[in-house]
Amino acid sequence: MARPRQVLLTRERIVEAAAALVDAEGLDAVSVRRLATELGVAGPSLYNHFATKAEILDAVADAVIAEVDISAFGDNDWGKALRSWAQSYHAVLSAHPNIVPVLARGPGRNPAALGMADAVYGALIRAGWSPSRATHIGALLRYLVTGSALGSFALGFPEDPELYAHYPHLHHAHHLAEHRQRVDEGAFVLGLETLVSGLESQLQSEAER
């Protein structure tokens, strides 16, 4: 009888399986044993590709970052490029919110994340920002994007009208959850536009001095 074919295990298959678990059930669902079961292999075989669970989650995070569109940074209009990148970044993280706590730790040694950081920093330097200010701007935009993906402002208010009886300015707060997307997306767009417009005005003022 012919031997049964062995399942071909690759880093890509492990990352895909881990990403699906993270999206569906959260970070705690990921374990070497669970991934081995999902992939139909023996647990120890995963260690031929990743030394730890943390390495697997880093690879998932980097695969998510690889979905972010950074192509706008080839444009000379740095403000337009920042807006385009931040909107893509926000959309990708909103589609994969469970991986955001891993992403919030920073790029580490992950190539896609380092490539994105390099693209943002390079665009800011070419625009005329000092290295220190470019670093501040990149960090500030990352705070805005990751923070907006970590939770929902609208869902923070329970749908209980009686709860707000003693809070005169919150009479309609119980309706916020009904308009979650409009509230949360609107807040992100307002924050991004306010931030980038302010930066554009600041750089122009500095150039005119």
N, C-alpha and C. Protein backbone atom coordinates (compact mmCIF):
# COMPACT_ATOMS: atom_id res chain seq x y z
N MET A 1 0.83 -1.20 0.00
CA MET A 1 0.00 0.00 0.00
C MET A 1 0.87 1.26 0.00
N ALA A 2 0.41 2.26 -0.69
CA ALA A 2 1.16 3.51 -0.74
C ALA A 2 1.03 4.24 0.59
N ARG A 3 2.10 4.89 0.97
CA ARG A 3 2.06 5.68 2.20
C ARG A 3 1.10 6.86 2.04
N PRO A 4 0.37 7.22 3.11
CA PRO A 4 -0.48 8.42 3.01
C PRO A 4 0.39 9.66 2.84
N ARG A 5 -0.06 10.57 2.03
CA ARG A 5 0.70 11.80 1.81
C ARG A 5 0.72 12.65 3.06
N GLN A 6 1.90 13.15 3.39
CA GLN A 6 2.02 14.04 4.54
C GLN A 6 1.54 15.44 4.17
N VAL A 7 0.93 16.09 5.16
CA VAL A 7 0.48 17.46 4.94
C VAL A 7 1.70 18.37 4.87
N LEU A 8 1.78 19.18 3.82
CA LEU A 8 2.90 20.10 3.67
C LEU A 8 2.68 21.29 4.59
N LEU A 9 3.56 21.47 5.54
CA LEU A 9 3.43 22.57 6.50
C LEU A 9 4.41 23.67 6.13
N THR A 10 3.90 24.88 6.00
CA THR A 10 4.74 26.03 5.67
C THR A 10 4.44 27.17 6.65
N ARG A 11 5.33 28.14 6.69
CA ARG A 11 5.09 29.32 7.52
C ARG A 11 3.79 30.01 7.10
N GLU A 12 3.57 30.06 5.79
CA GLU A 12 2.37 30.75 5.29
C GLU A 12 1.09 30.07 5.78
N ARG A 13 1.06 28.74 5.76
CA ARG A 13 -0.12 28.02 6.22
C ARG A 13 -0.34 28.24 7.72
N ILE A 14 0.74 28.25 8.48
CA ILE A 14 0.62 28.47 9.92
C ILE A 14 0.07 29.87 10.19
N VAL A 15 0.61 30.86 9.50
CA VAL A 15 0.16 32.24 9.70
C VAL A 15 -1.30 32.39 9.28
N GLU A 16 -1.69 31.78 8.18
CA GLU A 16 -3.08 31.87 7.73
C GLU A 16 -4.03 31.25 8.76
N ALA A 17 -3.66 30.09 9.30
CA ALA A 17 -4.50 29.43 10.29
C ALA A 17 -4.57 30.25 11.58
N ALA A 18 -3.44 30.80 12.00
CA ALA A 18 -3.41 31.62 13.22
C ALA A 18 -4.23 32.89 13.03
N ALA A 19 -4.11 33.51 11.85
CA ALA A 19 -4.86 34.73 11.57
C ALA A 19 -6.36 34.47 11.60
N ALA A 20 -6.78 33.34 11.06
CA ALA A 20 -8.20 33.00 11.07
C ALA A 20 -8.70 32.81 12.50
N LEU A 21 -7.89 32.18 13.35
CA LEU A 21 -8.28 32.00 14.75
C LEU A 21 -8.36 33.33 15.48
N VAL A 22 -7.37 34.19 15.26
CA VAL A 22 -7.36 35.50 15.91
C VAL A 22 -8.59 36.29 15.50
N ASP A 23 -8.89 36.32 14.22
CA ASP A 23 -10.06 37.07 13.74
C ASP A 23 -11.35 36.52 14.33
N ALA A 24 -11.45 35.21 14.40
CA ALA A 24 -12.71 34.59 14.83
C ALA A 24 -12.89 34.54 16.34
N GLU A 25 -11.78 34.30 17.07
CA GLU A 25 -11.92 34.03 18.50
C GLU A 25 -11.01 34.86 19.41
N GLY A 26 -10.08 35.59 18.84
CA GLY A 26 -9.20 36.42 19.66
C GLY A 26 -7.85 35.80 19.90
N LEU A 27 -6.96 36.57 20.51
CA LEU A 27 -5.58 36.14 20.72
C LEU A 27 -5.47 34.91 21.61
N ASP A 28 -6.33 34.79 22.61
CA ASP A 28 -6.24 33.67 23.54
C ASP A 28 -6.56 32.33 22.89
N ALA A 29 -7.20 32.36 21.73
CA ALA A 29 -7.54 31.11 21.05
C ALA A 29 -6.34 30.46 20.40
N VAL A 30 -5.27 31.22 20.22
CA VAL A 30 -4.10 30.71 19.52
C VAL A 30 -3.18 29.96 20.48
N SER A 31 -2.91 28.73 20.16
CA SER A 31 -1.92 27.92 20.87
C SER A 31 -1.32 26.96 19.87
N VAL A 32 -0.15 26.43 20.19
CA VAL A 32 0.50 25.49 19.28
C VAL A 32 -0.38 24.26 19.09
N ARG A 33 -0.98 23.78 20.18
CA ARG A 33 -1.83 22.60 20.08
C ARG A 33 -3.05 22.86 19.19
N ARG A 34 -3.69 24.02 19.39
CA ARG A 34 -4.88 24.33 18.60
C ARG A 34 -4.52 24.49 17.12
N LEU A 35 -3.42 25.15 16.85
CA LEU A 35 -3.00 25.34 15.46
C LEU A 35 -2.67 24.00 14.80
N ALA A 36 -2.00 23.12 15.55
CA ALA A 36 -1.67 21.81 15.00
C ALA A 36 -2.93 21.04 14.63
N THR A 37 -3.95 21.14 15.50
CA THR A 37 -5.22 20.48 15.21
C THR A 37 -5.87 21.06 13.97
N GLU A 38 -5.87 22.39 13.87
CA GLU A 38 -6.48 23.05 12.71
C GLU A 38 -5.78 22.67 11.41
N LEU A 39 -4.47 22.46 11.50
CA LEU A 39 -3.67 22.19 10.31
C LEU A 39 -3.52 20.70 10.03
N GLY A 40 -3.95 19.87 10.98
CA GLY A 40 -3.86 18.42 10.78
C GLY A 40 -2.45 17.89 10.87
N VAL A 41 -1.64 18.46 11.77
CA VAL A 41 -0.25 18.01 11.92
C VAL A 41 0.05 17.79 13.40
N ALA A 42 1.21 17.23 13.68
CA ALA A 42 1.66 17.06 15.06
C ALA A 42 2.19 18.40 15.57
N GLY A 43 1.89 18.72 16.83
CA GLY A 43 2.29 19.99 17.42
C GLY A 43 3.75 20.34 17.25
N PRO A 44 4.67 19.41 17.54
CA PRO A 44 6.10 19.75 17.45
C PRO A 44 6.54 20.21 16.06
N SER A 45 5.81 19.83 15.03
CA SER A 45 6.23 20.22 13.68
C SER A 45 6.16 21.72 13.47
N LEU A 46 5.31 22.41 14.25
CA LEU A 46 5.23 23.87 14.11
C LEU A 46 6.53 24.54 14.54
N TYR A 47 7.27 23.89 15.45
CA TYR A 47 8.50 24.50 15.95
C TYR A 47 9.62 24.48 14.92
N ASN A 48 9.41 23.79 13.81
CA ASN A 48 10.38 23.87 12.72
C ASN A 48 10.29 25.21 12.01
N HIS A 49 9.19 25.94 12.24
CA HIS A 49 8.97 27.22 11.57
C HIS A 49 8.93 28.41 12.53
N PHE A 50 8.43 28.19 13.74
CA PHE A 50 8.33 29.25 14.74
C PHE A 50 8.75 28.70 16.10
N ALA A 51 9.58 29.46 16.81
CA ALA A 51 10.08 29.00 18.11
C ALA A 51 9.04 29.15 19.21
N THR A 52 8.17 30.17 19.10
CA THR A 52 7.21 30.46 20.17
C THR A 52 5.88 30.91 19.59
N LYS A 53 4.85 30.91 20.43
CA LYS A 53 3.55 31.46 20.05
C LYS A 53 3.69 32.95 19.73
N ALA A 54 4.53 33.66 20.49
CA ALA A 54 4.72 35.09 20.26
C ALA A 54 5.24 35.35 18.85
N GLU A 55 6.12 34.50 18.36
CA GLU A 55 6.63 34.67 17.00
C GLU A 55 5.51 34.48 15.97
N ILE A 56 4.61 33.54 16.24
CA ILE A 56 3.49 33.32 15.33
C ILE A 56 2.60 34.55 15.28
N LEU A 57 2.30 35.11 16.46
CA LEU A 57 1.43 36.29 16.51
C LEU A 57 2.10 37.50 15.86
N ASP A 58 3.41 37.62 16.00
CA ASP A 58 4.13 38.70 15.31
C ASP A 58 4.01 38.54 13.80
N ALA A 59 4.08 37.29 13.33
CA ALA A 59 3.96 37.05 11.90
C ALA A 59 2.55 37.35 11.41
N VAL A 60 1.55 37.04 12.22
CA VAL A 60 0.17 37.39 11.87
C VAL A 60 0.02 38.91 11.79
N ALA A 61 0.57 39.60 12.79
CA ALA A 61 0.49 41.07 12.80
C ALA A 61 1.16 41.66 11.56
N ASP A 62 2.29 41.10 11.17
CA ASP A 62 2.99 41.64 10.01
C ASP A 62 2.23 41.35 8.72
N ALA A 63 1.56 40.20 8.67
CA ALA A 63 0.74 39.90 7.50
C ALA A 63 -0.41 40.88 7.37
N VAL A 64 -0.96 41.30 8.51
CA VAL A 64 -2.02 42.31 8.50
C VAL A 64 -1.48 43.65 8.01
N ILE A 65 -0.31 44.05 8.53
CA ILE A 65 0.29 45.32 8.10
C ILE A 65 0.60 45.30 6.60
N ALA A 66 0.93 44.14 6.07
CA ALA A 66 1.23 44.04 4.64
C ALA A 66 0.02 44.38 3.77
N GLU A 67 -1.18 44.35 4.35
CA GLU A 67 -2.39 44.72 3.61
C GLU A 67 -2.57 46.23 3.49
N VAL A 68 -1.85 47.00 4.31
CA VAL A 68 -2.00 48.45 4.29
C VAL A 68 -1.36 49.02 3.02
N ASP A 69 -2.07 49.91 2.37
CA ASP A 69 -1.59 50.53 1.13
C ASP A 69 -0.68 51.72 1.44
N ILE A 70 0.58 51.60 1.11
CA ILE A 70 1.53 52.69 1.33
C ILE A 70 1.99 53.31 0.01
N SER A 71 1.30 52.97 -1.07
CA SER A 71 1.74 53.43 -2.39
C SER A 71 1.66 54.95 -2.55
N ALA A 72 0.81 55.61 -1.77
CA ALA A 72 0.65 57.06 -1.92
C ALA A 72 1.92 57.82 -1.54
N PHE A 73 2.84 57.19 -0.83
CA PHE A 73 4.05 57.89 -0.42
C PHE A 73 5.01 58.12 -1.58
N GLY A 74 4.67 57.63 -2.76
CA GLY A 74 5.45 57.98 -3.94
C GLY A 74 5.05 59.34 -4.49
N ASP A 75 3.95 59.89 -3.93
CA ASP A 75 3.44 61.20 -4.36
C ASP A 75 4.19 62.30 -3.62
N ASN A 76 4.39 63.45 -4.28
CA ASN A 76 5.07 64.57 -3.62
C ASN A 76 4.19 65.28 -2.60
N ASP A 77 2.86 65.08 -2.67
CA ASP A 77 1.95 65.72 -1.74
C ASP A 77 1.89 64.89 -0.46
N TRP A 78 2.73 65.25 0.52
CA TRP A 78 2.86 64.44 1.72
C TRP A 78 1.58 64.41 2.55
N GLY A 79 0.82 65.53 2.57
CA GLY A 79 -0.43 65.56 3.33
C GLY A 79 -1.46 64.60 2.75
N LYS A 80 -1.56 64.61 1.43
CA LYS A 80 -2.48 63.69 0.74
C LYS A 80 -2.04 62.25 1.00
N ALA A 81 -0.74 62.01 0.96
CA ALA A 81 -0.23 60.66 1.19
C ALA A 81 -0.53 60.19 2.61
N LEU A 82 -0.36 61.07 3.59
CA LEU A 82 -0.66 60.70 4.97
C LEU A 82 -2.13 60.34 5.14
N ARG A 83 -3.00 61.13 4.53
CA ARG A 83 -4.44 60.85 4.62
C ARG A 83 -4.77 59.49 4.01
N SER A 84 -4.24 59.24 2.82
CA SER A 84 -4.52 57.98 2.12
C SER A 84 -4.01 56.79 2.91
N TRP A 85 -2.78 56.89 3.39
CA TRP A 85 -2.19 55.80 4.17
C TRP A 85 -2.97 55.55 5.45
N ALA A 86 -3.27 56.62 6.19
CA ALA A 86 -3.96 56.46 7.47
C ALA A 86 -5.35 55.86 7.29
N GLN A 87 -6.03 56.22 6.23
CA GLN A 87 -7.36 55.65 5.96
C GLN A 87 -7.26 54.17 5.64
N SER A 88 -6.25 53.78 4.86
CA SER A 88 -6.04 52.37 4.56
C SER A 88 -5.66 51.60 5.81
N TYR A 89 -4.76 52.16 6.60
CA TYR A 89 -4.31 51.57 7.86
C TYR A 89 -5.50 51.34 8.79
N HIS A 90 -6.34 52.35 8.90
CA HIS A 90 -7.54 52.27 9.75
C HIS A 90 -8.49 51.19 9.25
N ALA A 91 -8.70 51.12 7.95
CA ALA A 91 -9.61 50.12 7.39
C ALA A 91 -9.10 48.70 7.64
N VAL A 92 -7.80 48.50 7.48
CA VAL A 92 -7.22 47.17 7.68
C VAL A 92 -7.34 46.77 9.15
N LEU A 93 -7.00 47.67 10.06
CA LEU A 93 -7.09 47.33 11.48
C LEU A 93 -8.53 47.13 11.93
N SER A 94 -9.45 47.88 11.33
CA SER A 94 -10.86 47.71 11.67
C SER A 94 -11.37 46.34 11.22
N ALA A 95 -10.76 45.80 10.17
CA ALA A 95 -11.13 44.46 9.69
C ALA A 95 -10.49 43.36 10.52
N HIS A 96 -9.43 43.69 11.26
CA HIS A 96 -8.72 42.70 12.08
C HIS A 96 -8.48 43.26 13.49
N PRO A 97 -9.52 43.65 14.22
CA PRO A 97 -9.32 44.34 15.49
C PRO A 97 -8.65 43.50 16.58
N ASN A 98 -8.78 42.19 16.51
CA ASN A 98 -8.23 41.35 17.59
C ASN A 98 -6.70 41.31 17.60
N ILE A 99 -6.07 41.66 16.47
CA ILE A 99 -4.60 41.64 16.42
C ILE A 99 -4.01 42.99 16.83
N VAL A 100 -4.83 44.00 17.03
CA VAL A 100 -4.33 45.34 17.32
C VAL A 100 -3.44 45.40 18.57
N PRO A 101 -3.76 44.69 19.67
CA PRO A 101 -2.84 44.75 20.83
C PRO A 101 -1.42 44.30 20.49
N VAL A 102 -1.26 43.37 19.57
CA VAL A 102 0.08 42.95 19.15
C VAL A 102 0.73 44.05 18.31
N LEU A 103 -0.03 44.63 17.40
CA LEU A 103 0.49 45.71 16.56
C LEU A 103 0.88 46.93 17.39
N ALA A 104 0.15 47.17 18.48
CA ALA A 104 0.41 48.36 19.29
C ALA A 104 1.78 48.34 19.95
N ARG A 105 2.42 47.18 19.98
CA ARG A 105 3.75 47.10 20.59
C ARG A 105 4.82 47.70 19.69
N GLY A 106 4.51 47.92 18.42
CA GLY A 106 5.48 48.51 17.51
C GLY A 106 5.96 47.52 16.48
N PRO A 107 6.79 47.97 15.53
CA PRO A 107 7.19 47.12 14.41
C PRO A 107 8.13 45.98 14.77
N GLY A 108 8.92 46.14 15.84
CA GLY A 108 9.86 45.08 16.20
C GLY A 108 10.78 44.75 15.04
N ARG A 109 10.86 43.46 14.71
CA ARG A 109 11.70 43.00 13.61
C ARG A 109 10.88 42.63 12.37
N ASN A 110 9.63 43.04 12.34
CA ASN A 110 8.73 42.61 11.28
C ASN A 110 8.91 43.45 10.02
N PRO A 111 9.19 42.82 8.87
CA PRO A 111 9.55 43.56 7.65
C PRO A 111 8.46 44.47 7.11
N ALA A 112 7.21 44.02 7.10
CA ALA A 112 6.14 44.88 6.56
C ALA A 112 5.95 46.11 7.44
N ALA A 113 6.00 45.92 8.75
CA ALA A 113 5.82 47.03 9.68
C ALA A 113 6.99 48.01 9.59
N LEU A 114 8.20 47.49 9.46
CA LEU A 114 9.37 48.36 9.31
C LEU A 114 9.31 49.10 7.97
N GLY A 115 8.86 48.42 6.92
CA GLY A 115 8.73 49.07 5.62
C GLY A 115 7.72 50.20 5.66
N MET A 116 6.61 49.99 6.38
CA MET A 116 5.61 51.04 6.50
C MET A 116 6.16 52.23 7.29
N ALA A 117 6.85 51.95 8.39
CA ALA A 117 7.43 53.03 9.18
C ALA A 117 8.45 53.82 8.36
N ASP A 118 9.24 53.12 7.56
CA ASP A 118 10.24 53.78 6.72
C ASP A 118 9.58 54.67 5.67
N ALA A 119 8.46 54.19 5.10
CA ALA A 119 7.76 54.98 4.08
C ALA A 119 7.18 56.26 4.67
N VAL A 120 6.58 56.16 5.85
CA VAL A 120 5.99 57.33 6.50
C VAL A 120 7.08 58.33 6.89
N TYR A 121 8.11 57.84 7.55
CA TYR A 121 9.20 58.72 8.00
C TYR A 121 9.89 59.38 6.82
N GLY A 122 10.15 58.60 5.78
CA GLY A 122 10.82 59.15 4.61
C GLY A 122 10.02 60.26 3.95
N ALA A 123 8.70 60.07 3.86
CA ALA A 123 7.84 61.09 3.25
C ALA A 123 7.86 62.38 4.06
N LEU A 124 7.87 62.25 5.38
CA LEU A 124 7.88 63.43 6.24
C LEU A 124 9.21 64.17 6.15
N ILE A 125 10.29 63.44 6.09
CA ILE A 125 11.61 64.07 5.96
C ILE A 125 11.71 64.80 4.62
N ARG A 126 11.25 64.16 3.55
CA ARG A 126 11.30 64.80 2.22
C ARG A 126 10.43 66.06 2.18
N ALA A 127 9.37 66.06 2.98
CA ALA A 127 8.48 67.23 3.00
C ALA A 127 9.12 68.42 3.71
N GLY A 128 10.17 68.17 4.50
CA GLY A 128 10.84 69.26 5.17
C GLY A 128 10.77 69.23 6.68
N TRP A 129 10.15 68.19 7.24
CA TRP A 129 10.11 68.08 8.69
C TRP A 129 11.47 67.64 9.23
N SER A 130 11.80 68.09 10.42
CA SER A 130 13.03 67.66 11.07
C SER A 130 12.89 66.20 11.48
N PRO A 131 14.00 65.47 11.64
CA PRO A 131 13.91 64.06 12.05
C PRO A 131 13.10 63.85 13.34
N SER A 132 13.31 64.72 14.32
CA SER A 132 12.58 64.54 15.58
C SER A 132 11.09 64.79 15.40
N ARG A 133 10.74 65.83 14.64
CA ARG A 133 9.32 66.12 14.43
C ARG A 133 8.66 65.06 13.56
N ALA A 134 9.40 64.53 12.58
CA ALA A 134 8.86 63.45 11.75
C ALA A 134 8.55 62.22 12.60
N THR A 135 9.41 61.96 13.58
CA THR A 135 9.17 60.84 14.49
C THR A 135 7.92 61.08 15.31
N HIS A 136 7.76 62.30 15.81
CA HIS A 136 6.57 62.63 16.60
C HIS A 136 5.29 62.46 15.77
N ILE A 137 5.34 62.92 14.53
CA ILE A 137 4.15 62.85 13.66
C ILE A 137 3.79 61.40 13.36
N GLY A 138 4.80 60.60 13.04
CA GLY A 138 4.54 59.19 12.76
C GLY A 138 3.93 58.50 13.97
N ALA A 139 4.47 58.79 15.16
CA ALA A 139 3.93 58.19 16.39
C ALA A 139 2.50 58.65 16.63
N LEU A 140 2.25 59.95 16.44
CA LEU A 140 0.92 60.50 16.69
C LEU A 140 -0.12 59.87 15.77
N LEU A 141 0.22 59.70 14.51
CA LEU A 141 -0.72 59.08 13.57
C LEU A 141 -0.97 57.61 13.92
N ARG A 142 0.07 56.93 14.39
CA ARG A 142 -0.12 55.53 14.79
C ARG A 142 -1.03 55.44 16.01
N TYR A 143 -0.87 56.40 16.96
CA TYR A 143 -1.77 56.43 18.12
C TYR A 143 -3.22 56.60 17.68
N LEU A 144 -3.42 57.51 16.72
CA LEU A 144 -4.78 57.77 16.25
C LEU A 144 -5.39 56.53 15.60
N VAL A 145 -4.62 55.88 14.74
CA VAL A 145 -5.16 54.74 14.00
C VAL A 145 -5.38 53.54 14.92
N THR A 146 -4.36 53.17 15.70
CA THR A 146 -4.51 51.99 16.55
C THR A 146 -5.53 52.24 17.66
N GLY A 147 -5.55 53.45 18.19
CA GLY A 147 -6.52 53.77 19.23
C GLY A 147 -7.94 53.66 18.73
N SER A 148 -8.17 54.13 17.50
CA SER A 148 -9.52 54.07 16.94
C SER A 148 -9.95 52.64 16.67
N ALA A 149 -8.98 51.75 16.45
CA ALA A 149 -9.31 50.35 16.16
C ALA A 149 -9.43 49.49 17.42
N LEU A 150 -8.90 49.98 18.54
CA LEU A 150 -8.91 49.20 19.77
C LEU A 150 -10.28 49.11 20.43
N GLY A 151 -11.11 50.09 20.19
CA GLY A 151 -12.42 50.06 20.83
C GLY A 151 -13.39 51.01 20.16
N SER A 152 -14.63 50.94 20.61
CA SER A 152 -15.69 51.78 20.04
C SER A 152 -16.17 52.79 21.08
N PHE A 153 -16.08 54.06 20.74
CA PHE A 153 -16.63 55.10 21.62
C PHE A 153 -18.13 54.91 21.77
N ALA A 154 -18.81 54.66 20.66
CA ALA A 154 -20.27 54.56 20.68
C ALA A 154 -20.76 53.41 21.55
N LEU A 155 -20.04 52.28 21.53
CA LEU A 155 -20.48 51.12 22.30
C LEU A 155 -20.16 51.24 23.79
N GLY A 156 -19.46 52.32 24.17
CA GLY A 156 -19.13 52.51 25.58
C GLY A 156 -20.29 53.03 26.41
N PHE A 157 -21.39 53.36 25.77
CA PHE A 157 -22.56 53.89 26.47
C PHE A 157 -23.70 52.88 26.41
N PRO A 158 -24.06 52.26 27.53
CA PRO A 158 -25.14 51.26 27.54
C PRO A 158 -26.46 51.84 27.03
N GLU A 159 -27.24 50.98 26.41
CA GLU A 159 -28.53 51.39 25.88
C GLU A 159 -29.59 51.37 26.99
N ASP A 160 -29.40 52.22 27.97
CA ASP A 160 -30.28 52.28 29.14
C ASP A 160 -30.61 53.74 29.44
N PRO A 161 -31.75 54.25 29.00
CA PRO A 161 -32.09 55.67 29.18
C PRO A 161 -32.05 56.13 30.63
N GLU A 162 -32.45 55.25 31.56
CA GLU A 162 -32.50 55.63 32.97
C GLU A 162 -31.11 55.90 33.55
N LEU A 163 -30.11 55.28 32.96
CA LEU A 163 -28.73 55.45 33.46
C LEU A 163 -28.28 56.90 33.41
N TYR A 164 -28.83 57.66 32.45
CA TYR A 164 -28.36 59.02 32.21
C TYR A 164 -29.27 60.10 32.80
N ALA A 165 -30.17 59.68 33.68
CA ALA A 165 -31.14 60.61 34.25
C ALA A 165 -30.46 61.75 35.01
N HIS A 166 -29.33 61.47 35.63
CA HIS A 166 -28.63 62.48 36.44
C HIS A 166 -27.48 63.16 35.68
N TYR A 167 -27.43 62.94 34.38
CA TYR A 167 -26.37 63.54 33.56
C TYR A 167 -27.04 64.37 32.47
N PRO A 168 -27.22 65.66 32.73
CA PRO A 168 -28.05 66.50 31.87
C PRO A 168 -27.60 66.62 30.42
N HIS A 169 -26.31 66.36 30.16
CA HIS A 169 -25.83 66.49 28.78
C HIS A 169 -25.76 65.15 28.05
N LEU A 170 -26.24 64.10 28.68
CA LEU A 170 -26.14 62.77 28.09
C LEU A 170 -27.52 62.12 27.85
N HIS A 171 -28.52 62.95 27.69
CA HIS A 171 -29.87 62.41 27.52
C HIS A 171 -30.02 61.49 26.31
N HIS A 172 -29.21 61.69 25.30
CA HIS A 172 -29.33 60.87 24.08
C HIS A 172 -28.20 59.85 23.95
N ALA A 173 -27.42 59.68 25.00
CA ALA A 173 -26.27 58.79 24.93
C ALA A 173 -26.67 57.34 24.66
N HIS A 174 -27.86 56.95 25.10
CA HIS A 174 -28.28 55.56 24.89
C HIS A 174 -28.55 55.24 23.43
N HIS A 175 -28.56 56.25 22.58
CA HIS A 175 -28.77 56.03 21.14
C HIS A 175 -27.45 55.86 20.37
N LEU A 176 -26.33 56.12 21.04
CA LEU A 176 -25.04 56.10 20.33
C LEU A 176 -24.75 54.75 19.69
N ALA A 177 -25.05 53.67 20.43
CA ALA A 177 -24.73 52.34 19.90
C ALA A 177 -25.46 52.05 18.60
N GLU A 178 -26.63 52.65 18.42
CA GLU A 178 -27.40 52.45 17.18
C GLU A 178 -26.69 53.05 15.97
N HIS A 179 -25.81 54.01 16.24
CA HIS A 179 -25.12 54.73 15.16
C HIS A 179 -23.61 54.54 15.26
N ARG A 180 -23.23 53.34 15.68
CA ARG A 180 -21.82 53.07 15.95
C ARG A 180 -20.91 53.44 14.79
N GLN A 181 -21.20 52.95 13.60
CA GLN A 181 -20.30 53.19 12.47
C GLN A 181 -20.19 54.67 12.16
N ARG A 182 -21.31 55.38 12.15
CA ARG A 182 -21.28 56.80 11.83
C ARG A 182 -20.49 57.59 12.88
N VAL A 183 -20.69 57.24 14.16
CA VAL A 183 -19.99 57.94 15.24
C VAL A 183 -18.50 57.65 15.21
N ASP A 184 -18.15 56.37 15.19
CA ASP A 184 -16.74 55.99 15.28
C ASP A 184 -15.96 56.36 14.02
N GLU A 185 -16.54 56.12 12.85
CA GLU A 185 -15.85 56.49 11.61
C GLU A 185 -15.76 58.01 11.48
N GLY A 186 -16.84 58.69 11.87
CA GLY A 186 -16.83 60.15 11.80
C GLY A 186 -15.78 60.76 12.71
N ALA A 187 -15.61 60.18 13.89
CA ALA A 187 -14.59 60.68 14.82
C ALA A 187 -13.19 60.48 14.26
N PHE A 188 -12.96 59.32 13.64
CA PHE A 188 -11.64 59.06 13.06
C PHE A 188 -11.34 60.03 11.92
N VAL A 189 -12.29 60.21 11.03
CA VAL A 189 -12.09 61.10 9.88
C VAL A 189 -11.85 62.54 10.36
N LEU A 190 -12.63 62.98 11.34
CA LEU A 190 -12.44 64.33 11.89
C LEU A 190 -11.06 64.48 12.52
N GLY A 191 -10.65 63.48 13.29
CA GLY A 191 -9.34 63.55 13.93
C GLY A 191 -8.22 63.57 12.92
N LEU A 192 -8.32 62.73 11.90
CA LEU A 192 -7.28 62.67 10.88
C LEU A 192 -7.19 63.98 10.11
N GLU A 193 -8.33 64.51 9.69
CA GLU A 193 -8.33 65.75 8.91
C GLU A 193 -7.82 66.92 9.75
N THR A 194 -8.25 66.99 11.00
CA THR A 194 -7.80 68.07 11.89
C THR A 194 -6.29 68.00 12.09
N LEU A 195 -5.80 66.80 12.30
CA LEU A 195 -4.37 66.60 12.54
C LEU A 195 -3.54 66.96 11.32
N VAL A 196 -3.89 66.40 10.17
CA VAL A 196 -3.07 66.62 8.97
C VAL A 196 -3.18 68.07 8.49
N SER A 197 -4.38 68.64 8.55
CA SER A 197 -4.54 70.05 8.15
C SER A 197 -3.71 70.96 9.04
N GLY A 198 -3.70 70.67 10.32
CA GLY A 198 -2.90 71.46 11.25
C GLY A 198 -1.42 71.35 10.97
N LEU A 199 -0.97 70.14 10.63
CA LEU A 199 0.43 69.93 10.29
C LEU A 199 0.81 70.67 9.01
N GLU A 200 -0.07 70.63 8.02
CA GLU A 200 0.19 71.34 6.77
C GLU A 200 0.34 72.84 7.01
N SER A 201 -0.54 73.41 7.84
CA SER A 201 -0.45 74.83 8.16
C SER A 201 0.82 75.15 8.92
N GLN A 202 1.19 74.26 9.84
CA GLN A 202 2.41 74.50 10.62
C GLN A 202 3.65 74.48 9.76
N LEU A 203 3.75 73.51 8.85
CA LEU A 203 4.93 73.44 7.99
C LEU A 203 5.00 74.63 7.05
N GLN A 204 3.85 75.07 6.54
CA GLN A 204 3.83 76.23 5.66
C GLN A 204 4.27 77.49 6.41
N SER A 205 3.80 77.63 7.64
CA SER A 205 4.17 78.80 8.45
C SER A 205 5.67 78.82 8.71
N GLU A 206 6.24 77.64 8.99
CA GLU A 206 7.67 77.56 9.25
C GLU A 206 8.47 77.90 7.99
N ALA A 207 7.95 77.51 6.83
CA ALA A 207 8.66 77.78 5.57
C ALA A 207 8.63 79.25 5.20
N GLU A 208 7.60 79.96 5.69
CA GLU A 208 7.45 81.39 5.36
C GLU A 208 8.23 82.30 6.30
N ARG A 209 8.78 81.76 7.34
CA ARG A 209 9.53 82.60 8.29
C ARG A 209 10.87 83.03 7.72
